[in-house]
C-alpha atoms as a PDB file:
ATOM      1  CA  UNK A   1      83.273  77.857 110.495  1.00  0.00           C
ATOM      2  CA  UNK A   2      81.361  77.414 107.213  1.00  0.00           C
ATOM      3  CA  UNK A   3      77.638  77.846 107.131  1.00  0.00           C
ATOM      4  CA  UNK A   4      75.766  75.617 104.748  1.00  0.00           C
ATOM      5  CA  UNK A   5      73.177  77.501 102.768  1.00  0.00           C
ATOM      6  CA  UNK A   6      69.920  75.614 101.928  1.00  0.00           C
ATOM      7  CA  UNK A   7      69.083  75.538  98.334  1.00  0.00           C
ATOM      8  CA  UNK A   8      66.500  78.046  97.233  1.00  0.00           C
ATOM      9  CA  UNK A   9      66.304  81.638  96.130  1.00  0.00           C
ATOM     10  CA  UNK A  10      63.910  82.578  99.001  1.00  0.00           C
ATOM     11  CA  UNK A  11      66.510  82.270 101.724  1.00  0.00           C
ATOM     12  CA  UNK A  12      69.066  84.248  99.711  1.00  0.00           C
ATOM     13  CA  UNK A  13      66.590  87.025  99.019  1.00  0.00           C
ATOM     14  CA  UNK A  14      65.526  87.002 102.754  1.00  0.00           C
ATOM     15  CA  UNK A  15      69.166  87.441 103.896  1.00  0.00           C
ATOM     16  CA  UNK A  16      69.693  90.306 101.420  1.00  0.00           C
ATOM     17  CA  UNK A  17      66.427  91.992 102.441  1.00  0.00           C
ATOM     18  CA  UNK A  18      67.187  91.630 106.182  1.00  0.00           C
ATOM     19  CA  UNK A  19      70.635  93.195 105.575  1.00  0.00           C
ATOM     20  CA  UNK A  20      69.161  96.087 103.653  1.00  0.00           C
ATOM     21  CA  UNK A  21      66.501  96.702 106.372  1.00  0.00           C
ATOM     22  CA  UNK A  22      68.993  96.536 109.173  1.00  0.00           C
ATOM     23  CA  UNK A  23      71.294  98.999 107.282  1.00  0.00           C
ATOM     24  CA  UNK A  24      68.419 101.469 106.976  1.00  0.00           C
ATOM     25  CA  UNK A  25      67.316 101.189 110.653  1.00  0.00           C
ATOM     26  CA  UNK A  26      70.006  99.488 112.810  1.00  0.00           C
ATOM     27  CA  UNK A  27      68.097 100.353 116.066  1.00  0.00           C
ATOM     28  CA  UNK A  28      65.263  97.933 115.175  1.00  0.00           C
ATOM     29  CA  UNK A  29      65.776  94.486 116.634  1.00  0.00           C
ATOM     30  CA  UNK A  30      66.951  91.996 114.029  1.00  0.00           C
ATOM     31  CA  UNK A  31      64.358  89.448 115.122  1.00  0.00           C
ATOM     32  CA  UNK A  32      61.672  91.830 113.750  1.00  0.00           C
ATOM     33  CA  UNK A  33      63.284  91.677 110.338  1.00  0.00           C
ATOM     34  CA  UNK A  34      63.767  87.924 110.514  1.00  0.00           C
ATOM     35  CA  UNK A  35      60.133  87.271 111.371  1.00  0.00           C
ATOM     36  CA  UNK A  36      58.933  89.639 108.566  1.00  0.00           C
ATOM     37  CA  UNK A  37      61.270  87.942 106.033  1.00  0.00           C
ATOM     38  CA  UNK A  38      59.992  84.485 106.964  1.00  0.00           C
ATOM     39  CA  UNK A  39      56.529  85.639 105.925  1.00  0.00           C
ATOM     40  CA  UNK A  40      57.465  87.974 103.067  1.00  0.00           C
ATOM     41  CA  UNK A  41      59.555  85.253 101.257  1.00  0.00           C
ATOM     42  CA  UNK A  42      57.176  82.355 102.275  1.00  0.00           C
ATOM     43  CA  UNK A  43      60.037  80.411 103.771  1.00  0.00           C
ATOM     44  CA  UNK A  44      59.504  76.750 104.757  1.00  0.00           C
ATOM     45  CA  UNK A  45      59.958  75.759 108.449  1.00  0.00           C
ATOM     46  CA  UNK A  46      63.419  74.347 107.552  1.00  0.00           C
ATOM     47  CA  UNK A  47      64.369  77.631 105.833  1.00  0.00           C
ATOM     48  CA  UNK A  48      62.981  79.657 108.763  1.00  0.00           C
ATOM     49  CA  UNK A  49      64.993  77.665 111.232  1.00  0.00           C
ATOM     50  CA  UNK A  50      68.112  78.119 109.167  1.00  0.00           C
ATOM     51  CA  UNK A  51      67.560  81.880 108.979  1.00  0.00           C
ATOM     52  CA  UNK A  52      67.094  82.150 112.746  1.00  0.00           C
ATOM     53  CA  UNK A  53      70.284  80.065 113.434  1.00  0.00           C
ATOM     54  CA  UNK A  54      72.241  81.960 110.796  1.00  0.00           C
ATOM     55  CA  UNK A  55      71.625  85.346 112.471  1.00  0.00           C
ATOM     56  CA  UNK A  56      72.001  83.833 116.025  1.00  0.00           C
ATOM     57  CA  UNK A  57      75.396  82.478 115.043  1.00  0.00           C
ATOM     58  CA  UNK A  58      76.451  85.740 113.327  1.00  0.00           C
ATOM     59  CA  UNK A  59      75.519  87.653 116.482  1.00  0.00           C
ATOM     60  CA  UNK A  60      77.430  85.259 118.603  1.00  0.00           C
ATOM     61  CA  UNK A  61      80.518  85.667 116.448  1.00  0.00           C
ATOM     62  CA  UNK A  62      80.217  89.488 116.501  1.00  0.00           C
ATOM     63  CA  UNK A  63      80.008  89.394 120.302  1.00  0.00           C
ATOM     64  CA  UNK A  64      83.207  87.350 120.473  1.00  0.00           C
ATOM     65  CA  UNK A  65      85.050  89.893 118.348  1.00  0.00           C
ATOM     66  CA  UNK A  66      84.185  92.756 120.731  1.00  0.00           C
END
């Protein structure tokens, strides 16, 4: 399944930042990083919704692989 990325550098930077943070401290819940990224990168409500769904779908796909 292909995920459509919204236009905008903020969402791309947020995903990279969340990945880096999660790599440094994998024990911290991903939702903490998502919420921080929404504020840090001043994401719009549409971008914030996309980010939440993006990680929710990624988590669902990784659970199916287990």
